Amino acid sequence: MRDGAARKTTRLPIRGVVFDVDGTLLLSNRSLGGYEVLPGAIEVLSTLKARHVPFALLTNGSAYARSDSPSMMTR
């Protein structure tokens, strides 16, 4: 920028969000055989849903069976 001129920025709309579940939304505790929902996780997903922002939940963790994943996300 020259001579103190303000730089124009254009913000693009958010088209979607992807989360890696373990460590961002949930914290797995393999020794106890469970997990805990991290603070703010429910609020973030609720806000995205209310604003119609698509989101995907991904994980590479294998601490739980695939069949357990949907129930973990609905609690």
PDB file of N, CA and C in Angstrom:
ATOM      1  N   MET A   1       0.839  -1.176   0.000  1.00  0.00           N
ATOM      2  CA  MET A   1       0.000   0.000   0.000  1.00  0.00           C
ATOM      3  C   MET A   1       0.879   1.231   0.000  1.00  0.00           C
ATOM      4  N   ARG A   2       0.484   2.179  -0.773  1.00  0.00           N
ATOM      5  CA  ARG A   2       1.242   3.424  -0.851  1.00  0.00           C
ATOM      6  C   ARG A   2       0.444   4.575  -0.264  1.00  0.00           C
ATOM      7  N   ASP A   3       1.164   5.492   0.303  1.00  0.00           N
ATOM      8  CA  ASP A   3       0.573   6.729   0.803  1.00  0.00           C
ATOM      9  C   ASP A   3      -0.607   6.492   1.753  1.00  0.00           C
ATOM     10  N   GLY A   4      -0.560   5.414   2.503  1.00  0.00           N
ATOM     11  CA  GLY A   4      -1.617   5.160   3.483  1.00  0.00           C
ATOM     12  C   GLY A   4      -2.964   4.803   2.884  1.00  0.00           C
ATOM     13  N   ALA A   5      -2.994   4.471   1.606  1.00  0.00           N
ATOM     14  CA  ALA A   5      -4.263   4.117   0.973  1.00  0.00           C
ATOM     15  C   ALA A   5      -4.784   2.809   1.561  1.00  0.00           C
ATOM     16  N   ALA A   6      -6.063   2.784   1.828  1.00  0.00           N
ATOM     17  CA  ALA A   6      -6.687   1.578   2.376  1.00  0.00           C
ATOM     18  C   ALA A   6      -6.757   0.502   1.292  1.00  0.00           C
ATOM     19  N   ARG A   7      -6.497  -0.696   1.705  1.00  0.00           N
ATOM     20  CA  ARG A   7      -6.550  -1.821   0.775  1.00  0.00           C
ATOM     21  C   ARG A   7      -7.950  -2.429   0.822  1.00  0.00           C
ATOM     22  N   LYS A   8      -8.564  -2.557  -0.333  1.00  0.00           N
ATOM     23  CA  LYS A   8      -9.892  -3.139  -0.402  1.00  0.00           C
ATOM     24  C   LYS A   8      -9.768  -4.656  -0.389  1.00  0.00           C
ATOM     25  N   THR A   9     -10.621  -5.276   0.392  1.00  0.00           N
ATOM     26  CA  THR A   9     -10.677  -6.727   0.406  1.00  0.00           C
ATOM     27  C   THR A   9     -12.103  -7.163   0.122  1.00  0.00           C
ATOM     28  N   THR A  10     -12.210  -8.256  -0.563  1.00  0.00           N
ATOM     29  CA  THR A  10     -13.509  -8.825  -0.864  1.00  0.00           C
ATOM     30  C   THR A  10     -13.612 -10.142  -0.129  1.00  0.00           C
ATOM     31  N   ARG A  11     -14.619 -10.262   0.700  1.00  0.00           N
ATOM     32  CA  ARG A  11     -14.829 -11.512   1.430  1.00  0.00           C
ATOM     33  C   ARG A  11     -15.816 -12.378   0.663  1.00  0.00           C
ATOM     34  N   LEU A  12     -15.407 -13.586   0.443  1.00  0.00           N
ATOM     35  CA  LEU A  12     -16.289 -14.532  -0.212  1.00  0.00           C
ATOM     36  C   LEU A  12     -17.159 -15.206   0.847  1.00  0.00           C
ATOM     37  N   PRO A  13     -18.363 -15.570   0.488  1.00  0.00           N
ATOM     38  CA  PRO A  13     -19.227 -16.244   1.463  1.00  0.00           C
ATOM     39  C   PRO A  13     -18.656 -17.619   1.818  1.00  0.00           C
ATOM     40  N   ILE A  14     -18.909 -18.036   3.037  1.00  0.00           N
ATOM     41  CA  ILE A  14     -18.470 -19.360   3.457  1.00  0.00           C
ATOM     42  C   ILE A  14     -19.368 -20.380   2.774  1.00  0.00           C
ATOM     43  N   ARG A  15     -18.747 -21.308   2.070  1.00  0.00           N
ATOM     44  CA  ARG A  15     -19.517 -22.309   1.333  1.00  0.00           C
ATOM     45  C   ARG A  15     -19.699 -23.586   2.131  1.00  0.00           C
ATOM     46  N   GLY A  16     -18.888 -23.763   3.158  1.00  0.00           N
ATOM     47  CA  GLY A  16     -18.994 -24.957   3.981  1.00  0.00           C
ATOM     48  C   GLY A  16     -17.801 -25.057   4.903  1.00  0.00           C
ATOM     49  N   VAL A  17     -17.910 -25.947   5.887  1.00  0.00           N
ATOM     50  CA  VAL A  17     -16.861 -26.142   6.878  1.00  0.00           C
ATOM     51  C   VAL A  17     -16.648 -27.639   7.053  1.00  0.00           C
ATOM     52  N   VAL A  18     -15.386 -28.035   7.210  1.00  0.00           N
ATOM     53  CA  VAL A  18     -15.049 -29.431   7.467  1.00  0.00           C
ATOM     54  C   VAL A  18     -14.321 -29.497   8.804  1.00  0.00           C
ATOM     55  N   PHE A  19     -14.734 -30.416   9.661  1.00  0.00           N
ATOM     56  CA  PHE A  19     -14.103 -30.609  10.963  1.00  0.00           C
ATOM     57  C   PHE A  19     -13.487 -31.996  11.049  1.00  0.00           C
ATOM     58  N   ASP A  20     -12.286 -32.070  11.579  1.00  0.00           N
ATOM     59  CA  ASP A  20     -11.725 -33.340  12.013  1.00  0.00           C
ATOM     60  C   ASP A  20     -12.246 -33.513  13.429  1.00  0.00           C
ATOM     61  N   VAL A  21     -13.093 -34.479  13.650  1.00  0.00           N
ATOM     62  CA  VAL A  21     -13.861 -34.603  14.889  1.00  0.00           C
ATOM     63  C   VAL A  21     -12.992 -34.706  16.138  1.00  0.00           C
ATOM     64  N   ASP A  22     -12.058 -35.652  16.161  1.00  0.00           N
ATOM     65  CA  ASP A  22     -11.299 -35.909  17.384  1.00  0.00           C
ATOM     66  C   ASP A  22     -10.299 -34.787  17.640  1.00  0.00           C
ATOM     67  N   GLY A  23     -10.509 -34.096  18.738  1.00  0.00           N
ATOM     68  CA  GLY A  23      -9.626 -33.001  19.121  1.00  0.00           C
ATOM     69  C   GLY A  23     -10.187 -31.633  18.800  1.00  0.00           C
ATOM     70  N   THR A  24     -11.236 -31.581  17.981  1.00  0.00           N
ATOM     71  CA  THR A  24     -11.866 -30.291  17.690  1.00  0.00           C
ATOM     72  C   THR A  24     -13.285 -30.234  18.230  1.00  0.00           C
ATOM     73  N   LEU A  25     -14.006 -31.341  18.132  1.00  0.00           N
ATOM     74  CA  LEU A  25     -15.375 -31.406  18.638  1.00  0.00           C
ATOM     75  C   LEU A  25     -15.501 -32.390  19.798  1.00  0.00           C
ATOM     76  N   LEU A  26     -14.759 -33.476  19.702  1.00  0.00           N
ATOM     77  CA  LEU A  26     -14.770 -34.510  20.739  1.00  0.00           C
ATOM     78  C   LEU A  26     -13.343 -34.794  21.169  1.00  0.00           C
ATOM     79  N   LEU A  27     -13.214 -35.250  22.410  1.00  0.00           N
ATOM     80  CA  LEU A  27     -11.908 -35.689  22.900  1.00  0.00           C
ATOM     81  C   LEU A  27     -12.064 -37.140  23.332  1.00  0.00           C
ATOM     82  N   SER A  28     -11.405 -38.035  22.598  1.00  0.00           N
ATOM     83  CA  SER A  28     -11.487 -39.459  22.907  1.00  0.00           C
ATOM     84  C   SER A  28     -10.660 -39.794  24.125  1.00  0.00           C
ATOM     85  N   ASN A  29     -11.179 -40.702  24.912  1.00  0.00           N
ATOM     86  CA  ASN A  29     -10.454 -41.211  26.067  1.00  0.00           C
ATOM     87  C   ASN A  29     -10.493 -42.727  25.970  1.00  0.00           C
ATOM     88  N   ARG A  30      -9.518 -43.273  25.277  1.00  0.00           N
ATOM     89  CA  ARG A  30      -9.499 -44.716  25.023  1.00  0.00           C
ATOM     90  C   ARG A  30      -9.386 -45.526  26.300  1.00  0.00           C
ATOM     91  N   SER A  31      -8.678 -45.002  27.287  1.00  0.00           N
ATOM     92  CA  SER A  31      -8.514 -45.765  28.529  1.00  0.00           C
ATOM     93  C   SER A  31      -9.840 -45.929  29.264  1.00  0.00           C
ATOM     94  N   LEU A  32     -10.738 -44.967  29.114  1.00  0.00           N
ATOM     95  CA  LEU A  32     -12.053 -45.061  29.742  1.00  0.00           C
ATOM     96  C   LEU A  32     -13.111 -45.616  28.790  1.00  0.00           C
ATOM     97  N   GLY A  33     -12.709 -45.802  27.537  1.00  0.00           N
ATOM     98  CA  GLY A  33     -13.641 -46.332  26.553  1.00  0.00           C
ATOM     99  C   GLY A  33     -14.746 -45.365  26.183  1.00  0.00           C
ATOM    100  N   GLY A  34     -14.462 -44.084  26.207  1.00  0.00           N
ATOM    101  CA  GLY A  34     -15.483 -43.096  25.889  1.00  0.00           C
ATOM    102  C   GLY A  34     -14.901 -41.837  25.289  1.00  0.00           C
ATOM    103  N   TYR A  35     -15.658 -40.798  25.348  1.00  0.00           N
ATOM    104  CA  TYR A  35     -15.248 -39.512  24.789  1.00  0.00           C
ATOM    105  C   TYR A  35     -15.980 -38.418  25.538  1.00  0.00           C
ATOM    106  N   GLU A  36     -15.521 -37.199  25.359  1.00  0.00           N
ATOM    107  CA  GLU A  36     -16.250 -36.056  25.906  1.00  0.00           C
ATOM    108  C   GLU A  36     -16.399 -35.009  24.815  1.00  0.00           C
ATOM    109  N   VAL A  37     -17.530 -34.344  24.822  1.00  0.00           N
ATOM    110  CA  VAL A  37     -17.781 -33.258  23.878  1.00  0.00           C
ATOM    111  C   VAL A  37     -17.018 -32.047  24.385  1.00  0.00           C
ATOM    112  N   LEU A  38     -16.225 -31.447  23.521  1.00  0.00           N
ATOM    113  CA  LEU A  38     -15.425 -30.292  23.919  1.00  0.00           C
ATOM    114  C   LEU A  38     -16.292 -29.039  24.043  1.00  0.00           C
ATOM    115  N   PRO A  39     -15.914 -28.133  24.942  1.00  0.00           N
ATOM    116  CA  PRO A  39     -16.686 -26.902  25.135  1.00  0.00           C
ATOM    117  C   PRO A  39     -16.844 -26.122  23.823  1.00  0.00           C
ATOM    118  N   GLY A  40     -18.053 -25.710  23.556  1.00  0.00           N
ATOM    119  CA  GLY A  40     -18.342 -24.902  22.370  1.00  0.00           C
ATOM    120  C   GLY A  40     -18.697 -25.711  21.132  1.00  0.00           C
ATOM    121  N   ALA A  41     -18.451 -27.016  21.147  1.00  0.00           N
ATOM    122  CA  ALA A  41     -18.690 -27.838  19.955  1.00  0.00           C
ATOM    123  C   ALA A  41     -20.160 -27.822  19.537  1.00  0.00           C
ATOM    124  N   ILE A  42     -21.030 -28.023  20.491  1.00  0.00           N
ATOM    125  CA  ILE A  42     -22.461 -28.058  20.172  1.00  0.00           C
ATOM    126  C   ILE A  42     -22.931 -26.698  19.667  1.00  0.00           C
ATOM    127  N   GLU A  43     -22.455 -25.638  20.300  1.00  0.00           N
ATOM    128  CA  GLU A  43     -22.853 -24.279  19.888  1.00  0.00           C
ATOM    129  C   GLU A  43     -22.377 -23.958  18.469  1.00  0.00           C
ATOM    130  N   VAL A  44     -21.161 -24.369  18.153  1.00  0.00           N
ATOM    131  CA  VAL A  44     -20.630 -24.101  16.797  1.00  0.00           C
ATOM    132  C   VAL A  44     -21.471 -24.816  15.745  1.00  0.00           C
ATOM    133  N   LEU A  45     -21.733 -26.097  15.970  1.00  0.00           N
ATOM    134  CA  LEU A  45     -22.514 -26.853  14.987  1.00  0.00           C
ATOM    135  C   LEU A  45     -23.951 -26.341  14.910  1.00  0.00           C
ATOM    136  N   SER A  46     -24.521 -25.959  16.036  1.00  0.00           N
ATOM    137  CA  SER A  46     -25.884 -25.406  16.036  1.00  0.00           C
ATOM    138  C   SER A  46     -25.948 -24.089  15.267  1.00  0.00           C
ATOM    139  N   THR A  47     -24.935 -23.258  15.443  1.00  0.00           N
ATOM    140  CA  THR A  47     -24.884 -21.971  14.735  1.00  0.00           C
ATOM    141  C   THR A  47     -24.745 -22.184  13.235  1.00  0.00           C
ATOM    142  N   LEU A  48     -23.867 -23.091  12.842  1.00  0.00           N
ATOM    143  CA  LEU A  48     -23.712 -23.380  11.409  1.00  0.00           C
ATOM    144  C   LEU A  48     -25.032 -23.881  10.823  1.00  0.00           C
ATOM    145  N   LYS A  49     -25.681 -24.769  11.544  1.00  0.00           N
ATOM    146  CA  LYS A  49     -26.962 -25.302  11.065  1.00  0.00           C
ATOM    147  C   LYS A  49     -28.005 -24.195  10.952  1.00  0.00           C
ATOM    148  N   ALA A  50     -28.094 -23.335  11.954  1.00  0.00           N
ATOM    149  CA  ALA A  50     -29.066 -22.234  11.938  1.00  0.00           C
ATOM    150  C   ALA A  50     -28.808 -21.261  10.791  1.00  0.00           C
ATOM    151  N   ARG A  51     -27.542 -21.102  10.424  1.00  0.00           N
ATOM    152  CA  ARG A  51     -27.179 -20.187   9.333  1.00  0.00           C
ATOM    153  C   ARG A  51     -27.128 -20.888   7.979  1.00  0.00           C
ATOM    154  N   HIS A  52     -27.537 -22.133   7.958  1.00  0.00           N
ATOM    155  CA  HIS A  52     -27.575 -22.935   6.729  1.00  0.00           C
ATOM    156  C   HIS A  52     -26.207 -23.065   6.068  1.00  0.00           C
ATOM    157  N   VAL A  53     -25.174 -23.168   6.891  1.00  0.00           N
ATOM    158  CA  VAL A  53     -23.821 -23.380   6.389  1.00  0.00           C
ATOM    159  C   VAL A  53     -23.554 -24.887   6.411  1.00  0.00           C
ATOM    160  N   PRO A  54     -23.324 -25.492   5.265  1.00  0.00           N
ATOM    161  CA  PRO A  54     -23.072 -26.934   5.249  1.00  0.00           C
ATOM    162  C   PRO A  54     -21.783 -27.275   5.988  1.00  0.00           C
ATOM    163  N   PHE A  55     -21.787 -28.421   6.656  1.00  0.00           N
ATOM    164  CA  PHE A  55     -20.564 -28.870   7.310  1.00  0.00           C
ATOM    165  C   PHE A  55     -20.458 -30.386   7.218  1.00  0.00           C
ATOM    166  N   ALA A  56     -19.221 -30.851   7.269  1.00  0.00           N
ATOM    167  CA  ALA A  56     -18.935 -32.281   7.234  1.00  0.00           C
ATOM    168  C   ALA A  56     -18.073 -32.622   8.435  1.00  0.00           C
ATOM    169  N   LEU A  57     -18.305 -33.796   8.981  1.00  0.00           N
ATOM    170  CA  LEU A  57     -17.536 -34.281  10.116  1.00  0.00           C
ATOM    171  C   LEU A  57     -16.708 -35.469   9.644  1.00  0.00           C
ATOM    172  N   LEU A  58     -15.396 -35.350   9.782  1.00  0.00           N
ATOM    173  CA  LEU A  58     -14.481 -36.397   9.330  1.00  0.00           C
ATOM    174  C   LEU A  58     -13.634 -36.879  10.490  1.00  0.00           C
ATOM    175  N   THR A  59     -13.161 -38.090  10.380  1.00  0.00           N
ATOM    176  CA  THR A  59     -12.222 -38.596  11.370  1.00  0.00           C
ATOM    177  C   THR A  59     -11.348 -39.666  10.729  1.00  0.00           C
ATOM    178  N   ASN A  60     -10.150 -39.778  11.237  1.00  0.00           N
ATOM    179  CA  ASN A  60      -9.283 -40.866  10.808  1.00  0.00           C
ATOM    180  C   ASN A  60      -9.049 -41.808  11.993  1.00  0.00           C
ATOM    181  N   GLY A  61      -9.741 -41.540  13.086  1.00  0.00           N
ATOM    182  CA  GLY A  61      -9.588 -42.344  14.296  1.00  0.00           C
ATOM    183  C   GLY A  61     -10.295 -43.679  14.171  1.00  0.00           C
ATOM    184  N   SER A  62      -9.726 -44.671  14.805  1.00  0.00           N
ATOM    185  CA  SER A  62     -10.349 -45.990  14.778  1.00  0.00           C
ATOM    186  C   SER A  62     -10.597 -46.497  16.195  1.00  0.00           C
ATOM    187  N   ALA A  63     -10.763 -45.580  17.143  1.00  0.00           N
ATOM    188  CA  ALA A  63     -11.000 -45.975  18.530  1.00  0.00           C
ATOM    189  C   ALA A  63     -12.393 -46.576  18.702  1.00  0.00           C
ATOM    190  N   TYR A  64     -13.296 -46.233  17.790  1.00  0.00           N
ATOM    191  CA  TYR A  64     -14.668 -46.710  17.902  1.00  0.00           C
ATOM    192  C   TYR A  64     -15.088 -47.357  16.592  1.00  0.00           C
ATOM    193  N   ALA A  65     -16.006 -48.281  16.702  1.00  0.00           N
ATOM    194  CA  ALA A  65     -16.533 -48.937  15.499  1.00  0.00           C
ATOM    195  C   ALA A  65     -17.294 -47.928  14.650  1.00  0.00           C
ATOM    196  N   ARG A  66     -17.299 -48.132  13.352  1.00  0.00           N
ATOM    197  CA  ARG A  66     -18.019 -47.241  12.442  1.00  0.00           C
ATOM    198  C   ARG A  66     -19.483 -47.096  12.830  1.00  0.00           C
ATOM    199  N   SER A  67     -20.064 -48.173  13.283  1.00  0.00           N
ATOM    200  CA  SER A  67     -21.483 -48.148  13.648  1.00  0.00           C
ATOM    201  C   SER A  67     -21.752 -47.247  14.853  1.00  0.00           C
ATOM    202  N   ASP A  68     -20.730 -46.956  15.669  1.00  0.00           N
ATOM    203  CA  ASP A  68     -20.905 -46.077  16.830  1.00  0.00           C
ATOM    204  C   ASP A  68     -20.864 -44.597  16.462  1.00  0.00           C
ATOM    205  N   SER A  69     -20.298 -44.260  15.330  1.00  0.00           N
ATOM    206  CA  SER A  69     -20.096 -42.860  14.962  1.00  0.00           C
ATOM    207  C   SER A  69     -21.377 -42.041  14.901  1.00  0.00           C
ATOM    208  N   PRO A  70     -22.436 -42.513  14.247  1.00  0.00           N
ATOM    209  CA  PRO A  70     -23.659 -41.685  14.203  1.00  0.00           C
ATOM    210  C   PRO A  70     -24.232 -41.379  15.582  1.00  0.00           C
ATOM    211  N   SER A  71     -24.212 -42.339  16.486  1.00  0.00           N
ATOM    212  CA  SER A  71     -24.769 -42.068  17.808  1.00  0.00           C
ATOM    213  C   SER A  71     -23.907 -41.094  18.592  1.00  0.00           C
ATOM    214  N   MET A  72     -22.606 -41.105  18.365  1.00  0.00           N
ATOM    215  CA  MET A  72     -21.712 -40.164  19.046  1.00  0.00           C
ATOM    216  C   MET A  72     -22.002 -38.733  18.612  1.00  0.00           C
ATOM    217  N   MET A  73     -22.369 -38.563  17.354  1.00  0.00           N
ATOM    218  CA  MET A  73     -22.578 -37.223  16.823  1.00  0.00           C
ATOM    219  C   MET A  73     -23.949 -36.659  17.187  1.00  0.00           C
ATOM    220  N   THR A  74     -24.872 -37.493  17.633  1.00  0.00           N
ATOM    221  CA  THR A  74     -26.204 -37.000  17.946  1.00  0.00           C
ATOM    222  C   THR A  74     -26.396 -36.747  19.422  1.00  0.00           C
ATOM    223  N   ARG A  75     -25.424 -37.041  20.243  1.00  0.00           N
ATOM    224  CA  ARG A  75     -25.565 -36.837  21.698  1.00  0.00           C
ATOM    225  C   ARG A  75     -25.342 -35.407  22.083  1.00  0.00           C
TER     226      ARG A  75
END
